[in-house]
Amino acid sequence: MSDKITKTSLGKGGKGQTDWKRVDALTDEDIAQAMAEDPDTFEPEPEWLQRAMILRPGQPKMRVTAYFDQEVVEWFRAQGRGYQTRMNAVLRTYMEGAKKSRPSPHHS
């Protein structure tokens, strides 16, 4: 093995090697076939998605008292340990989607 270190940087204005005309000419069928033939393609099954966890690096947290529908809390609790983290992830996803679709009335 060589001791030589190769250093590269992205975004330095160099021209890439992608043939964008060829990419633009691909049909949905071409893409589907390429995905089917690629051993690295990962299409999760519904069972995998049900077990998937959303992990975020340590976001600052704030303790609040909030009231939720009993059925909602019971459902999240039934999912097991980490239910509050999942509730937070759902609220965050909603917040991020809302930010994209409409600007906050508190910021101009």
Protein backbone atom coordinates (compact mmCIF):
# COMPACT_ATOMS: atom_id res chain seq x y z
CA MET A 1 0.00 0.00 0.00
CA SER A 2 1.27 3.47 -0.88
CA ASP A 3 1.90 6.15 1.76
CA LYS A 4 0.95 8.84 -0.76
CA ILE A 5 -2.05 10.93 0.31
CA THR A 6 -4.38 12.26 -2.35
CA LYS A 7 -6.36 15.36 -1.44
CA THR A 8 -9.35 16.60 -3.39
CA SER A 9 -11.88 19.35 -2.86
CA LEU A 10 -15.40 19.68 -4.18
CA GLY A 11 -16.85 22.87 -5.52
CA LYS A 12 -13.63 24.41 -6.78
CA GLY A 13 -15.13 25.16 -10.18
CA GLY A 14 -13.61 22.19 -12.01
CA LYS A 15 -15.59 20.67 -14.85
CA GLY A 16 -17.07 17.31 -13.98
CA GLN A 17 -17.05 14.26 -16.22
CA THR A 18 -20.81 13.68 -16.24
CA ASP A 19 -22.36 13.45 -19.69
CA TRP A 20 -25.50 15.47 -18.90
CA LYS A 21 -26.93 15.12 -22.41
CA ARG A 22 -26.84 11.33 -21.98
CA VAL A 23 -28.41 11.60 -18.51
CA ASP A 24 -31.17 13.89 -19.79
CA ALA A 25 -31.93 11.40 -22.58
CA LEU A 26 -32.56 8.52 -20.12
CA THR A 27 -36.16 7.36 -19.90
CA ASP A 28 -37.86 6.22 -16.70
CA GLU A 29 -37.57 2.66 -18.05
CA ASP A 30 -33.79 3.08 -18.57
CA ILE A 31 -33.42 4.28 -14.99
CA ALA A 32 -35.60 1.48 -13.59
CA GLN A 33 -33.58 -1.13 -15.50
CA ALA A 34 -30.28 0.34 -14.29
CA MET A 35 -31.55 0.27 -10.70
CA ALA A 36 -32.74 -3.34 -11.06
CA GLU A 37 -29.31 -4.38 -12.36
CA ASP A 38 -27.33 -2.45 -9.71
CA PRO A 39 -26.47 -4.71 -6.76
CA ASP A 40 -26.09 -1.63 -4.52
CA THR A 41 -29.67 -0.42 -5.06
CA PHE A 42 -31.57 -0.39 -1.77
CA GLU A 43 -35.34 -0.25 -1.77
CA PRO A 44 -36.56 -0.68 1.80
CA GLU A 45 -39.46 -2.99 2.52
CA PRO A 46 -42.33 -1.63 4.65
CA GLU A 47 -41.13 -3.71 7.61
CA TRP A 48 -37.71 -2.01 7.43
CA LEU A 49 -39.35 1.41 7.38
CA GLN A 50 -41.44 0.52 10.44
CA ARG A 51 -38.28 -0.31 12.40
CA ALA A 52 -36.24 2.65 11.07
CA MET A 53 -35.22 5.29 13.59
CA ILE A 54 -34.72 8.95 12.81
CA LEU A 55 -31.52 10.02 14.50
CA ARG A 56 -30.41 13.61 14.72
CA PRO A 57 -27.24 14.88 16.30
CA GLY A 58 -27.75 16.49 19.69
CA GLN A 59 -30.24 19.25 19.07
CA PRO A 60 -30.82 21.50 22.08
CA LYS A 61 -34.01 20.45 23.85
CA MET A 62 -36.53 22.47 25.84
CA ARG A 63 -38.75 21.01 28.54
CA VAL A 64 -42.41 21.91 28.01
CA THR A 65 -45.76 20.81 29.30
CA ALA A 66 -47.99 19.88 26.40
CA TYR A 67 -51.32 18.13 26.04
CA PHE A 68 -51.85 15.54 23.31
CA ASP A 69 -54.80 13.35 22.46
CA GLN A 70 -54.71 10.21 24.61
CA GLU A 71 -54.90 7.97 21.53
CA VAL A 72 -51.86 9.71 20.01
CA VAL A 73 -49.73 9.29 23.14
CA GLU A 74 -50.81 5.66 23.60
CA TRP A 75 -49.93 4.88 19.97
CA PHE A 76 -46.46 6.42 20.24
CA ARG A 77 -45.81 4.71 23.60
CA ALA A 78 -46.84 1.37 22.07
CA GLN A 79 -44.01 1.80 19.54
CA GLY A 80 -41.57 1.27 22.40
CA ARG A 81 -38.63 3.05 23.89
CA GLY A 82 -37.83 6.44 22.36
CA TYR A 83 -41.43 7.40 21.69
CA GLN A 84 -40.84 11.03 22.71
CA THR A 85 -37.94 11.26 20.27
CA ARG A 86 -40.21 9.93 17.51
CA MET A 87 -42.92 12.43 18.44
CA ASN A 88 -40.32 15.19 18.21
CA ALA A 89 -39.18 13.86 14.80
CA VAL A 90 -42.77 13.96 13.50
CA LEU A 91 -43.22 17.52 14.76
CA ARG A 92 -39.86 18.55 13.25
CA THR A 93 -40.77 17.02 9.88
CA TYR A 94 -44.07 18.92 9.91
CA MET A 95 -42.26 22.15 10.86
CA GLU A 96 -39.64 21.77 8.12
CA GLY A 97 -42.32 21.06 5.51
CA ALA A 98 -44.36 24.05 6.64
CA LYS A 99 -41.29 26.30 6.46
CA LYS A 100 -40.76 25.28 2.85
CA SER A 101 -44.38 25.84 1.82
CA ARG A 102 -45.00 29.11 3.61
CA PRO A 103 -42.71 31.59 5.34
CA SER A 104 -43.18 32.24 9.04
CA PRO A 105 -45.39 35.28 9.74
CA HIS A 106 -42.90 36.27 12.47
CA HIS A 107 -39.97 36.73 10.06
CA SER A 108 -39.87 39.22 7.23
